[in-house]
């Protein structure tokens, strides 16, 4: 399909039905921008996702807060989903935190950190000694390999 206005290949297609009468419109990118259908700014795949954050902002607060560095307002962030500079994260910290809490309510991890136990440390030491023993045998240091084997046996007997 070609643009109804200029004849270039169309990228926008719409069908308007009024009282049973169908009207098709086909516009190229330039004509769609002139008609106000498209914005002149290219759209990122993340624009829709970030603009969804704006639904979580209370309207009253949006008018008051402005980033001191780039002068981006919270109202602007609400409508575009974009922050003006890295300082906006600090300026809008509380509001952004509220948005994140609403989107992902579990802000902290419930599982405790896994700490290595004494047996884990012993197992690690045994594995290291076995590697050392293999290396000693490969290098034909049989006396060293025998000493390492005794250390391994001693550690293994302590585990039982």
C-alpha atoms as a PDB file:
ATOM      1  CA  UNK A   1       0.000   0.000   0.000  1.00  0.00           C
ATOM      2  CA  UNK A   2       1.087   3.556  -0.688  1.00  0.00           C
ATOM      3  CA  UNK A   3       0.495   6.748   1.286  1.00  0.00           C
ATOM      4  CA  UNK A   4      -2.825   8.466   0.473  1.00  0.00           C
ATOM      5  CA  UNK A   5      -1.118  11.890   0.630  1.00  0.00           C
ATOM      6  CA  UNK A   6       2.269  11.537  -1.133  1.00  0.00           C
ATOM      7  CA  UNK A   7       2.436   8.068  -2.691  1.00  0.00           C
ATOM      8  CA  UNK A   8       5.399   6.740  -0.647  1.00  0.00           C
ATOM      9  CA  UNK A   9       5.114   3.256   0.898  1.00  0.00           C
ATOM     10  CA  UNK A  10       2.748   3.463   3.873  1.00  0.00           C
ATOM     11  CA  UNK A  11       3.583   2.378   7.405  1.00  0.00           C
ATOM     12  CA  UNK A  12       0.351   3.422   9.104  1.00  0.00           C
ATOM     13  CA  UNK A  13      -2.989   1.875   8.255  1.00  0.00           C
ATOM     14  CA  UNK A  14      -6.300   2.642   9.938  1.00  0.00           C
ATOM     15  CA  UNK A  15      -9.939   1.856   9.303  1.00  0.00           C
ATOM     16  CA  UNK A  16     -12.622   4.173  10.667  1.00  0.00           C
ATOM     17  CA  UNK A  17     -16.217   2.951  10.594  1.00  0.00           C
ATOM     18  CA  UNK A  18     -18.912   5.584  11.111  1.00  0.00           C
ATOM     19  CA  UNK A  19     -22.596   4.673  10.709  1.00  0.00           C
ATOM     20  CA  UNK A  20     -21.638   1.529   8.804  1.00  0.00           C
ATOM     21  CA  UNK A  21     -19.427   3.403   6.333  1.00  0.00           C
ATOM     22  CA  UNK A  22     -15.793   2.261   6.293  1.00  0.00           C
ATOM     23  CA  UNK A  23     -12.973   4.722   5.593  1.00  0.00           C
ATOM     24  CA  UNK A  24      -9.384   3.416   5.169  1.00  0.00           C
ATOM     25  CA  UNK A  25      -6.334   5.616   5.690  1.00  0.00           C
ATOM     26  CA  UNK A  26      -2.771   4.760   4.634  1.00  0.00           C
ATOM     27  CA  UNK A  27       0.107   7.093   5.541  1.00  0.00           C
ATOM     28  CA  UNK A  28       3.894   7.052   5.164  1.00  0.00           C
ATOM     29  CA  UNK A  29       6.096   7.879   8.174  1.00  0.00           C
ATOM     30  CA  UNK A  30       6.500  11.567   7.230  1.00  0.00           C
ATOM     31  CA  UNK A  31       2.807  12.161   6.620  1.00  0.00           C
ATOM     32  CA  UNK A  32       1.882  10.281   9.805  1.00  0.00           C
ATOM     33  CA  UNK A  33       4.200  12.608  11.777  1.00  0.00           C
ATOM     34  CA  UNK A  34       2.624  15.676  10.100  1.00  0.00           C
ATOM     35  CA  UNK A  35      -0.853  14.361  10.980  1.00  0.00           C
ATOM     36  CA  UNK A  36       0.228  13.778  14.588  1.00  0.00           C
ATOM     37  CA  UNK A  37      -0.207  10.001  14.398  1.00  0.00           C
ATOM     38  CA  UNK A  38       3.488   9.299  15.156  1.00  0.00           C
ATOM     39  CA  UNK A  39       5.864  11.299  17.283  1.00  0.00           C
ATOM     40  CA  UNK A  40       9.042  12.547  15.606  1.00  0.00           C
ATOM     41  CA  UNK A  41      11.158  10.814  18.239  1.00  0.00           C
ATOM     42  CA  UNK A  42      12.002   7.164  17.425  1.00  0.00           C
ATOM     43  CA  UNK A  43      10.401   4.771  19.855  1.00  0.00           C
ATOM     44  CA  UNK A  44      12.368   2.294  21.934  1.00  0.00           C
ATOM     45  CA  UNK A  45      10.999  -1.148  22.751  1.00  0.00           C
ATOM     46  CA  UNK A  46      11.280  -0.148  26.421  1.00  0.00           C
ATOM     47  CA  UNK A  47       9.154   3.033  26.112  1.00  0.00           C
ATOM     48  CA  UNK A  48       5.875   1.244  26.717  1.00  0.00           C
ATOM     49  CA  UNK A  49       7.316  -0.707  29.638  1.00  0.00           C
ATOM     50  CA  UNK A  50       8.704   2.394  31.376  1.00  0.00           C
ATOM     51  CA  UNK A  51       5.585   4.426  30.766  1.00  0.00           C
ATOM     52  CA  UNK A  52       3.705   1.669  32.607  1.00  0.00           C
ATOM     53  CA  UNK A  53       5.581   2.734  35.761  1.00  0.00           C
ATOM     54  CA  UNK A  54       3.821   6.061  35.600  1.00  0.00           C
ATOM     55  CA  UNK A  55       0.516   4.408  36.475  1.00  0.00           C
ATOM     56  CA  UNK A  56       1.847   3.772  39.966  1.00  0.00           C
ATOM     57  CA  UNK A  57       2.702   7.405  40.764  1.00  0.00           C
ATOM     58  CA  UNK A  58       0.212   9.397  42.821  1.00  0.00           C
ATOM     59  CA  UNK A  59      -0.960  12.442  40.846  1.00  0.00           C
ATOM     60  CA  UNK A  60      -0.580  14.977  43.682  1.00  0.00           C
ATOM     61  CA  UNK A  61       3.163  14.374  44.130  1.00  0.00           C
ATOM     62  CA  UNK A  62       3.939  14.545  40.416  1.00  0.00           C
ATOM     63  CA  UNK A  63       3.615  18.349  40.247  1.00  0.00           C
ATOM     64  CA  UNK A  64       6.047  19.163  43.075  1.00  0.00           C
ATOM     65  CA  UNK A  65       9.279  17.206  42.559  1.00  0.00           C
ATOM     66  CA  UNK A  66      12.003  18.298  40.098  1.00  0.00           C
ATOM     67  CA  UNK A  67      15.554  16.975  39.643  1.00  0.00           C
ATOM     68  CA  UNK A  68      17.941  19.748  40.779  1.00  0.00           C
ATOM     69  CA  UNK A  69      20.496  18.906  38.061  1.00  0.00           C
ATOM     70  CA  UNK A  70      18.575  18.354  34.808  1.00  0.00           C
ATOM     71  CA  UNK A  71      15.251  19.899  35.885  1.00  0.00           C
ATOM     72  CA  UNK A  72      13.263  16.816  34.844  1.00  0.00           C
ATOM     73  CA  UNK A  73      10.008  16.792  36.781  1.00  0.00           C
ATOM     74  CA  UNK A  74       8.331  13.781  38.267  1.00  0.00           C
ATOM     75  CA  UNK A  75       5.349  14.676  36.082  1.00  0.00           C
ATOM     76  CA  UNK A  76       7.609  14.309  33.013  1.00  0.00           C
ATOM     77  CA  UNK A  77       8.812  10.935  34.284  1.00  0.00           C
ATOM     78  CA  UNK A  78       5.201   9.905  34.789  1.00  0.00           C
ATOM     79  CA  UNK A  79       4.257  10.717  31.211  1.00  0.00           C
ATOM     80  CA  UNK A  80       7.402   9.562  29.363  1.00  0.00           C
ATOM     81  CA  UNK A  81       8.763   6.870  31.671  1.00  0.00           C
ATOM     82  CA  UNK A  82      12.244   8.358  31.178  1.00  0.00           C
ATOM     83  CA  UNK A  83      14.565  10.022  33.666  1.00  0.00           C
ATOM     84  CA  UNK A  84      16.705  12.947  32.554  1.00  0.00           C
ATOM     85  CA  UNK A  85      20.009  12.089  34.222  1.00  0.00           C
ATOM     86  CA  UNK A  86      21.562   9.756  36.822  1.00  0.00           C
ATOM     87  CA  UNK A  87      20.759  12.295  39.568  1.00  0.00           C
ATOM     88  CA  UNK A  88      17.041  11.782  38.914  1.00  0.00           C
ATOM     89  CA  UNK A  89      17.316   8.403  40.650  1.00  0.00           C
ATOM     90  CA  UNK A  90      18.342  10.205  43.831  1.00  0.00           C
ATOM     91  CA  UNK A  91      15.831  13.048  43.409  1.00  0.00           C
ATOM     92  CA  UNK A  92      12.935  10.635  42.831  1.00  0.00           C
ATOM     93  CA  UNK A  93      14.290   7.885  45.130  1.00  0.00           C
ATOM     94  CA  UNK A  94      11.185   7.536  47.292  1.00  0.00           C
ATOM     95  CA  UNK A  95       8.760   7.591  44.375  1.00  0.00           C
ATOM     96  CA  UNK A  96      10.777   5.073  42.352  1.00  0.00           C
ATOM     97  CA  UNK A  97      11.022   2.818  45.429  1.00  0.00           C
ATOM     98  CA  UNK A  98       7.233   2.958  45.807  1.00  0.00           C
ATOM     99  CA  UNK A  99       6.802   1.989  42.151  1.00  0.00           C
ATOM    100  CA  UNK A 100       9.166  -0.958  42.533  1.00  0.00           C
ATOM    101  CA  UNK A 101       7.402  -2.114  45.726  1.00  0.00           C
ATOM    102  CA  UNK A 102       4.096  -2.147  43.886  1.00  0.00           C
ATOM    103  CA  UNK A 103       5.544  -4.022  40.927  1.00  0.00           C
ATOM    104  CA  UNK A 104       7.717  -6.456  42.913  1.00  0.00           C
ATOM    105  CA  UNK A 105       6.512  -6.461  46.536  1.00  0.00           C
ATOM    106  CA  UNK A 106       9.257  -8.781  47.841  1.00  0.00           C
ATOM    107  CA  UNK A 107      12.163  -6.359  48.063  1.00  0.00           C
ATOM    108  CA  UNK A 108      14.418  -8.521  50.223  1.00  0.00           C
ATOM    109  CA  UNK A 109      15.513 -12.105  49.888  1.00  0.00           C
ATOM    110  CA  UNK A 110      14.118 -14.465  52.519  1.00  0.00           C
ATOM    111  CA  UNK A 111      16.782 -17.170  52.291  1.00  0.00           C
ATOM    112  CA  UNK A 112      19.721 -16.871  54.648  1.00  0.00           C
ATOM    113  CA  UNK A 113      23.194 -16.918  53.210  1.00  0.00           C
ATOM    114  CA  UNK A 114      24.687 -20.395  53.080  1.00  0.00           C
ATOM    115  CA  UNK A 115      27.807 -20.531  55.179  1.00  0.00           C
ATOM    116  CA  UNK A 116      30.411 -23.224  54.639  1.00  0.00           C
ATOM    117  CA  UNK A 117      30.577 -25.740  57.471  1.00  0.00           C
ATOM    118  CA  UNK A 118      33.643 -27.465  58.900  1.00  0.00           C
ATOM    119  CA  UNK A 119      32.898 -30.558  56.819  1.00  0.00           C
ATOM    120  CA  UNK A 120      32.758 -28.436  53.646  1.00  0.00           C
ATOM    121  CA  UNK A 121      36.152 -26.979  54.485  1.00  0.00           C
ATOM    122  CA  UNK A 122      37.560 -30.462  55.111  1.00  0.00           C
ATOM    123  CA  UNK A 123      36.130 -31.736  51.827  1.00  0.00           C
ATOM    124  CA  UNK A 124      37.721 -28.813  50.003  1.00  0.00           C
ATOM    125  CA  UNK A 125      41.052 -29.544  51.649  1.00  0.00           C
ATOM    126  CA  UNK A 126      40.798 -33.247  50.742  1.00  0.00           C
ATOM    127  CA  UNK A 127      40.037 -32.376  47.103  1.00  0.00           C
ATOM    128  CA  UNK A 128      43.024 -30.036  47.004  1.00  0.00           C
ATOM    129  CA  UNK A 129      45.293 -32.699  48.523  1.00  0.00           C
ATOM    130  CA  UNK A 130      44.092 -35.261  45.941  1.00  0.00           C
ATOM    131  CA  UNK A 131      44.992 -32.874  43.133  1.00  0.00           C
ATOM    132  CA  UNK A 132      48.405 -32.330  44.732  1.00  0.00           C
ATOM    133  CA  UNK A 133      48.867 -36.098  45.033  1.00  0.00           C
ATOM    134  CA  UNK A 134      48.017 -36.637  41.333  1.00  0.00           C
ATOM    135  CA  UNK A 135      50.493 -33.944  40.379  1.00  0.00           C
ATOM    136  CA  UNK A 136      53.207 -35.492  42.562  1.00  0.00           C
ATOM    137  CA  UNK A 137      52.645 -38.912  40.925  1.00  0.00           C
ATOM    138  CA  UNK A 138      52.683 -37.346  37.454  1.00  0.00           C
ATOM    139  CA  UNK A 139      56.003 -35.652  38.283  1.00  0.00           C
ATOM    140  CA  UNK A 140      57.262 -38.960  39.739  1.00  0.00           C
ATOM    141  CA  UNK A 141      57.640 -37.559  43.274  1.00  0.00           C
ATOM    142  CA  UNK A 142      56.406 -40.745  44.889  1.00  0.00           C
ATOM    143  CA  UNK A 143      57.581 -39.940  48.422  1.00  0.00           C
ATOM    144  CA  UNK A 144      55.632 -36.647  48.374  1.00  0.00           C
ATOM    145  CA  UNK A 145      52.599 -38.481  46.984  1.00  0.00           C
ATOM    146  CA  UNK A 146      52.793 -41.014  49.860  1.00  0.00           C
ATOM    147  CA  UNK A 147      52.896 -38.201  52.451  1.00  0.00           C
ATOM    148  CA  UNK A 148      49.912 -36.477  50.843  1.00  0.00           C
ATOM    149  CA  UNK A 149      48.008 -39.789  50.793  1.00  0.00           C
ATOM    150  CA  UNK A 150      48.567 -40.150  54.551  1.00  0.00           C
ATOM    151  CA  UNK A 151      47.226 -36.604  55.091  1.00  0.00           C
ATOM    152  CA  UNK A 152      44.128 -37.468  53.063  1.00  0.00           C
ATOM    153  CA  UNK A 153      43.557 -40.670  55.038  1.00  0.00           C
ATOM    154  CA  UNK A 154      43.936 -38.786  58.322  1.00  0.00           C
ATOM    155  CA  UNK A 155      41.361 -36.148  57.261  1.00  0.00           C
ATOM    156  CA  UNK A 156      38.945 -38.806  56.007  1.00  0.00           C
ATOM    157  CA  UNK A 157      39.180 -40.754  59.275  1.00  0.00           C
ATOM    158  CA  UNK A 158      38.324 -37.557  61.216  1.00  0.00           C
ATOM    159  CA  UNK A 159      35.071 -37.231  59.232  1.00  0.00           C
ATOM    160  CA  UNK A 160      33.853 -40.666  60.324  1.00  0.00           C
END
